[in-house]
Amino acid sequence: MTEIYLGLDVGKTTHHATALTTTGKKNWDKPLPNRNPKSENSLKNYQPKEPFYW
């Protein structure tokens, strides 16, 4: 199992999400719309390079 750390930067117009492995390798780095349903769909579409658990 790979541990993933997810960082969220919440802003007025957009949000930004970054996922890192325990070694600091950037696994995902994308802006997200600040509307909740769109942000949730963006995260649901996240396809990791290695297996992980939420």
PDB file of N, CA and C in Angstrom:
ATOM      1  N   MET A   1       0.841  -1.174   0.000  1.00  0.00           N
ATOM      2  CA  MET A   1       0.000   0.000   0.000  1.00  0.00           C
ATOM      3  C   MET A   1       0.889   1.240   0.000  1.00  0.00           C
ATOM      4  N   THR A   2       0.552   2.208  -0.821  1.00  0.00           N
ATOM      5  CA  THR A   2       1.283   3.464  -0.899  1.00  0.00           C
ATOM      6  C   THR A   2       0.522   4.537  -0.142  1.00  0.00           C
ATOM      7  N   GLU A   3       1.228   5.265   0.724  1.00  0.00           N
ATOM      8  CA  GLU A   3       0.601   6.388   1.417  1.00  0.00           C
ATOM      9  C   GLU A   3       0.688   7.615   0.533  1.00  0.00           C
ATOM     10  N   ILE A   4      -0.404   8.334   0.443  1.00  0.00           N
ATOM     11  CA  ILE A   4      -0.473   9.565  -0.341  1.00  0.00           C
ATOM     12  C   ILE A   4      -0.887  10.688   0.594  1.00  0.00           C
ATOM     13  N   TYR A   5      -0.190  11.806   0.490  1.00  0.00           N
ATOM     14  CA  TYR A   5      -0.547  13.000   1.244  1.00  0.00           C
ATOM     15  C   TYR A   5      -1.179  13.987   0.278  1.00  0.00           C
ATOM     16  N   LEU A   6      -2.367  14.445   0.613  1.00  0.00           N
ATOM     17  CA  LEU A   6      -3.097  15.361  -0.250  1.00  0.00           C
ATOM     18  C   LEU A   6      -3.147  16.729   0.405  1.00  0.00           C
ATOM     19  N   GLY A   7      -2.660  17.725  -0.330  1.00  0.00           N
ATOM     20  CA  GLY A   7      -2.714  19.097   0.144  1.00  0.00           C
ATOM     21  C   GLY A   7      -3.718  19.881  -0.670  1.00  0.00           C
ATOM     22  N   LEU A   8      -4.532  20.683   0.008  1.00  0.00           N
ATOM     23  CA  LEU A   8      -5.535  21.498  -0.664  1.00  0.00           C
ATOM     24  C   LEU A   8      -5.300  22.964  -0.337  1.00  0.00           C
ATOM     25  N   ASP A   9      -5.283  23.783  -1.364  1.00  0.00           N
ATOM     26  CA  ASP A   9      -5.210  25.230  -1.212  1.00  0.00           C
ATOM     27  C   ASP A   9      -6.577  25.762  -1.621  1.00  0.00           C
ATOM     28  N   VAL A  10      -7.313  26.281  -0.666  1.00  0.00           N
ATOM     29  CA  VAL A  10      -8.679  26.733  -0.916  1.00  0.00           C
ATOM     30  C   VAL A  10      -8.672  28.235  -1.170  1.00  0.00           C
ATOM     31  N   GLY A  11      -9.165  28.632  -2.344  1.00  0.00           N
ATOM     32  CA  GLY A  11      -9.198  30.041  -2.711  1.00  0.00           C
ATOM     33  C   GLY A  11     -10.595  30.507  -3.078  1.00  0.00           C
ATOM     34  N   LYS A  12     -10.738  31.810  -3.302  1.00  0.00           N
ATOM     35  CA  LYS A  12     -12.051  32.372  -3.639  1.00  0.00           C
ATOM     36  C   LYS A  12     -12.528  31.938  -5.021  1.00  0.00           C
ATOM     37  N   THR A  13     -11.637  31.919  -6.003  1.00  0.00           N
ATOM     38  CA  THR A  13     -12.061  31.592  -7.366  1.00  0.00           C
ATOM     39  C   THR A  13     -11.732  30.164  -7.762  1.00  0.00           C
ATOM     40  N   THR A  14     -10.613  29.638  -7.303  1.00  0.00           N
ATOM     41  CA  THR A  14     -10.246  28.242  -7.586  1.00  0.00           C
ATOM     42  C   THR A  14      -9.583  27.630  -6.362  1.00  0.00           C
ATOM     43  N   HIS A  15      -9.515  26.332  -6.375  1.00  0.00           N
ATOM     44  CA  HIS A  15      -8.776  25.579  -5.364  1.00  0.00           C
ATOM     45  C   HIS A  15      -7.638  24.875  -6.095  1.00  0.00           C
ATOM     46  N   HIS A  16      -6.686  24.338  -5.346  1.00  0.00           N
ATOM     47  CA  HIS A  16      -5.583  23.605  -5.958  1.00  0.00           C
ATOM     48  C   HIS A  16      -5.284  22.396  -5.081  1.00  0.00           C
ATOM     49  N   ALA A  17      -5.099  21.245  -5.704  1.00  0.00           N
ATOM     50  CA  ALA A  17      -4.801  20.021  -4.970  1.00  0.00           C
ATOM     51  C   ALA A  17      -3.481  19.437  -5.455  1.00  0.00           C
ATOM     52  N   THR A  18      -2.685  18.976  -4.505  1.00  0.00           N
ATOM     53  CA  THR A  18      -1.423  18.313  -4.814  1.00  0.00           C
ATOM     54  C   THR A  18      -1.338  17.036  -3.989  1.00  0.00           C
ATOM     55  N   ALA A  19      -0.984  15.931  -4.627  1.00  0.00           N
ATOM     56  CA  ALA A  19      -0.807  14.658  -3.934  1.00  0.00           C
ATOM     57  C   ALA A  19       0.666  14.279  -3.988  1.00  0.00           C
ATOM     58  N   LEU A  20       1.217  13.923  -2.823  1.00  0.00           N
ATOM     59  CA  LEU A  20       2.624  13.528  -2.721  1.00  0.00           C
ATOM     60  C   LEU A  20       2.733  12.141  -2.114  1.00  0.00           C
ATOM     61  N   THR A  21       3.763  11.402  -2.536  1.00  0.00           N
ATOM     62  CA  THR A  21       4.066  10.123  -1.904  1.00  0.00           C
ATOM     63  C   THR A  21       4.881  10.395  -0.641  1.00  0.00           C
ATOM     64  N   THR A  22       5.156   9.369   0.136  1.00  0.00           N
ATOM     65  CA  THR A  22       5.938   9.543   1.366  1.00  0.00           C
ATOM     66  C   THR A  22       7.375   9.967   1.079  1.00  0.00           C
ATOM     67  N   THR A  23       7.845   9.755  -0.142  1.00  0.00           N
ATOM     68  CA  THR A  23       9.198  10.189  -0.507  1.00  0.00           C
ATOM     69  C   THR A  23       9.210  11.604  -1.077  1.00  0.00           C
ATOM     70  N   GLY A  24       8.025  12.233  -1.174  1.00  0.00           N
ATOM     71  CA  GLY A  24       7.936  13.597  -1.681  1.00  0.00           C
ATOM     72  C   GLY A  24       7.732  13.695  -3.178  1.00  0.00           C
ATOM     73  N   LYS A  25       7.560  12.562  -3.843  1.00  0.00           N
ATOM     74  CA  LYS A  25       7.321  12.571  -5.287  1.00  0.00           C
ATOM     75  C   LYS A  25       5.917  13.105  -5.561  1.00  0.00           C
ATOM     76  N   LYS A  26       5.814  14.092  -6.459  1.00  0.00           N
ATOM     77  CA  LYS A  26       4.522  14.676  -6.811  1.00  0.00           C
ATOM     78  C   LYS A  26       3.763  13.688  -7.685  1.00  0.00           C
ATOM     79  N   ASN A  27       2.632  13.241  -7.199  1.00  0.00           N
ATOM     80  CA  ASN A  27       1.828  12.237  -7.877  1.00  0.00           C
ATOM     81  C   ASN A  27       0.687  12.875  -8.660  1.00  0.00           C
ATOM     82  N   TRP A  28       0.232  14.049  -8.211  1.00  0.00           N
ATOM     83  CA  TRP A  28      -0.896  14.735  -8.839  1.00  0.00           C
ATOM     84  C   TRP A  28      -0.827  16.194  -8.457  1.00  0.00           C
ATOM     85  N   ASP A  29      -1.091  17.098  -9.393  1.00  0.00           N
ATOM     86  CA  ASP A  29      -1.002  18.532  -9.124  1.00  0.00           C
ATOM     87  C   ASP A  29      -1.925  19.254 -10.093  1.00  0.00           C
ATOM     88  N   LYS A  30      -3.109  19.660  -9.611  1.00  0.00           N
ATOM     89  CA  LYS A  30      -4.093  20.261 -10.514  1.00  0.00           C
ATOM     90  C   LYS A  30      -4.906  21.337  -9.815  1.00  0.00           C
ATOM     91  N   PRO A  31      -5.306  22.371 -10.592  1.00  0.00           N
ATOM     92  CA  PRO A  31      -6.287  23.321 -10.063  1.00  0.00           C
ATOM     93  C   PRO A  31      -7.670  22.669 -10.089  1.00  0.00           C
ATOM     94  N   LEU A  32      -8.520  23.086  -9.169  1.00  0.00           N
ATOM     95  CA  LEU A  32      -9.881  22.563  -9.096  1.00  0.00           C
ATOM     96  C   LEU A  32     -10.867  23.721  -9.078  1.00  0.00           C
ATOM     97  N   PRO A  33     -12.021  23.569  -9.712  1.00  0.00           N
ATOM     98  CA  PRO A  33     -13.040  24.607  -9.608  1.00  0.00           C
ATOM     99  C   PRO A  33     -13.490  24.724  -8.152  1.00  0.00           C
ATOM    100  N   ASN A  34     -13.915  25.909  -7.736  1.00  0.00           N
ATOM    101  CA  ASN A  34     -14.299  26.046  -6.338  1.00  0.00           C
ATOM    102  C   ASN A  34     -15.754  25.676  -6.068  1.00  0.00           C
ATOM    103  N   ARG A  35     -16.447  25.201  -7.047  1.00  0.00           N
ATOM    104  CA  ARG A  35     -17.815  24.723  -6.824  1.00  0.00           C
ATOM    105  C   ARG A  35     -17.732  23.275  -6.366  1.00  0.00           C
ATOM    106  N   ASN A  36     -18.351  22.950  -5.284  1.00  0.00           N
ATOM    107  CA  ASN A  36     -18.222  21.655  -4.640  1.00  0.00           C
ATOM    108  C   ASN A  36     -18.441  20.460  -5.571  1.00  0.00           C
ATOM    109  N   PRO A  37     -19.556  20.342  -6.314  1.00  0.00           N
ATOM    110  CA  PRO A  37     -19.741  19.156  -7.166  1.00  0.00           C
ATOM    111  C   PRO A  37     -18.631  18.986  -8.202  1.00  0.00           C
ATOM    112  N   LYS A  38     -18.157  20.086  -8.791  1.00  0.00           N
ATOM    113  CA  LYS A  38     -17.087  19.981  -9.782  1.00  0.00           C
ATOM    114  C   LYS A  38     -15.788  19.528  -9.124  1.00  0.00           C
ATOM    115  N   SER A  39     -15.485  20.029  -7.942  1.00  0.00           N
ATOM    116  CA  SER A  39     -14.270  19.628  -7.235  1.00  0.00           C
ATOM    117  C   SER A  39     -14.331  18.155  -6.864  1.00  0.00           C
ATOM    118  N   GLU A  40     -15.483  17.714  -6.368  1.00  0.00           N
ATOM    119  CA  GLU A  40     -15.628  16.308  -6.001  1.00  0.00           C
ATOM    120  C   GLU A  40     -15.435  15.408  -7.212  1.00  0.00           C
ATOM    121  N   ASN A  41     -15.988  15.787  -8.362  1.00  0.00           N
ATOM    122  CA  ASN A  41     -15.826  14.980  -9.570  1.00  0.00           C
ATOM    123  C   ASN A  41     -14.375  14.941 -10.008  1.00  0.00           C
ATOM    124  N   SER A  42     -13.645  16.040  -9.864  1.00  0.00           N
ATOM    125  CA  SER A  42     -12.231  16.058 -10.228  1.00  0.00           C
ATOM    126  C   SER A  42     -11.449  15.079  -9.370  1.00  0.00           C
ATOM    127  N   LEU A  43     -11.725  15.057  -8.073  1.00  0.00           N
ATOM    128  CA  LEU A  43     -11.015  14.137  -7.185  1.00  0.00           C
ATOM    129  C   LEU A  43     -11.423  12.693  -7.437  1.00  0.00           C
ATOM    130  N   LYS A  44     -12.687  12.462  -7.799  1.00  0.00           N
ATOM    131  CA  LYS A  44     -13.132  11.102  -8.101  1.00  0.00           C
ATOM    132  C   LYS A  44     -12.428  10.561  -9.338  1.00  0.00           C
ATOM    133  N   ASN A  45     -12.036  11.443 -10.253  1.00  0.00           N
ATOM    134  CA  ASN A  45     -11.366  11.026 -11.485  1.00  0.00           C
ATOM    135  C   ASN A  45      -9.863  10.850 -11.311  1.00  0.00           C
ATOM    136  N   TYR A  46      -9.353  11.067 -10.102  1.00  0.00           N
ATOM    137  CA  TYR A  46      -7.923  10.908  -9.831  1.00  0.00           C
ATOM    138  C   TYR A  46      -7.527   9.452 -10.024  1.00  0.00           C
ATOM    139  N   GLN A  47      -6.583   9.209 -10.916  1.00  0.00           N
ATOM    140  CA  GLN A  47      -6.086   7.867 -11.187  1.00  0.00           C
ATOM    141  C   GLN A  47      -4.631   7.787 -10.741  1.00  0.00           C
ATOM    142  N   PRO A  48      -4.363   7.205  -9.580  1.00  0.00           N
ATOM    143  CA  PRO A  48      -2.990   7.145  -9.081  1.00  0.00           C
ATOM    144  C   PRO A  48      -2.124   6.208  -9.910  1.00  0.00           C
ATOM    145  N   LYS A  49      -0.830   6.437  -9.824  1.00  0.00           N
ATOM    146  CA  LYS A  49       0.124   5.581 -10.527  1.00  0.00           C
ATOM    147  C   LYS A  49       0.349   4.282  -9.768  1.00  0.00           C
ATOM    148  N   GLU A  50       0.024   4.287  -8.457  1.00  0.00           N
ATOM    149  CA  GLU A  50       0.171   3.105  -7.615  1.00  0.00           C
ATOM    150  C   GLU A  50      -1.101   2.944  -6.789  1.00  0.00           C
ATOM    151  N   PRO A  51      -1.391   1.724  -6.303  1.00  0.00           N
ATOM    152  CA  PRO A  51      -2.586   1.531  -5.475  1.00  0.00           C
ATOM    153  C   PRO A  51      -2.516   2.378  -4.200  1.00  0.00           C
ATOM    154  N   PHE A  52      -3.664   2.848  -3.753  1.00  0.00           N
ATOM    155  CA  PHE A  52      -3.717   3.614  -2.511  1.00  0.00           C
ATOM    156  C   PHE A  52      -5.097   3.449  -1.891  1.00  0.00           C
ATOM    157  N   TYR A  53      -5.227   3.870  -0.647  1.00  0.00           N
ATOM    158  CA  TYR A  53      -6.493   3.797   0.075  1.00  0.00           C
ATOM    159  C   TYR A  53      -6.825   5.161   0.640  1.00  0.00           C
ATOM    160  N   TRP A  54      -8.100   5.575   0.572  1.00  0.00           N
ATOM    161  CA  TRP A  54      -8.541   6.855   1.132  1.00  0.00           C
ATOM    162  C   TRP A  54      -8.710   6.705   2.605  1.00  0.00           C
TER     163      TRP A  54
END
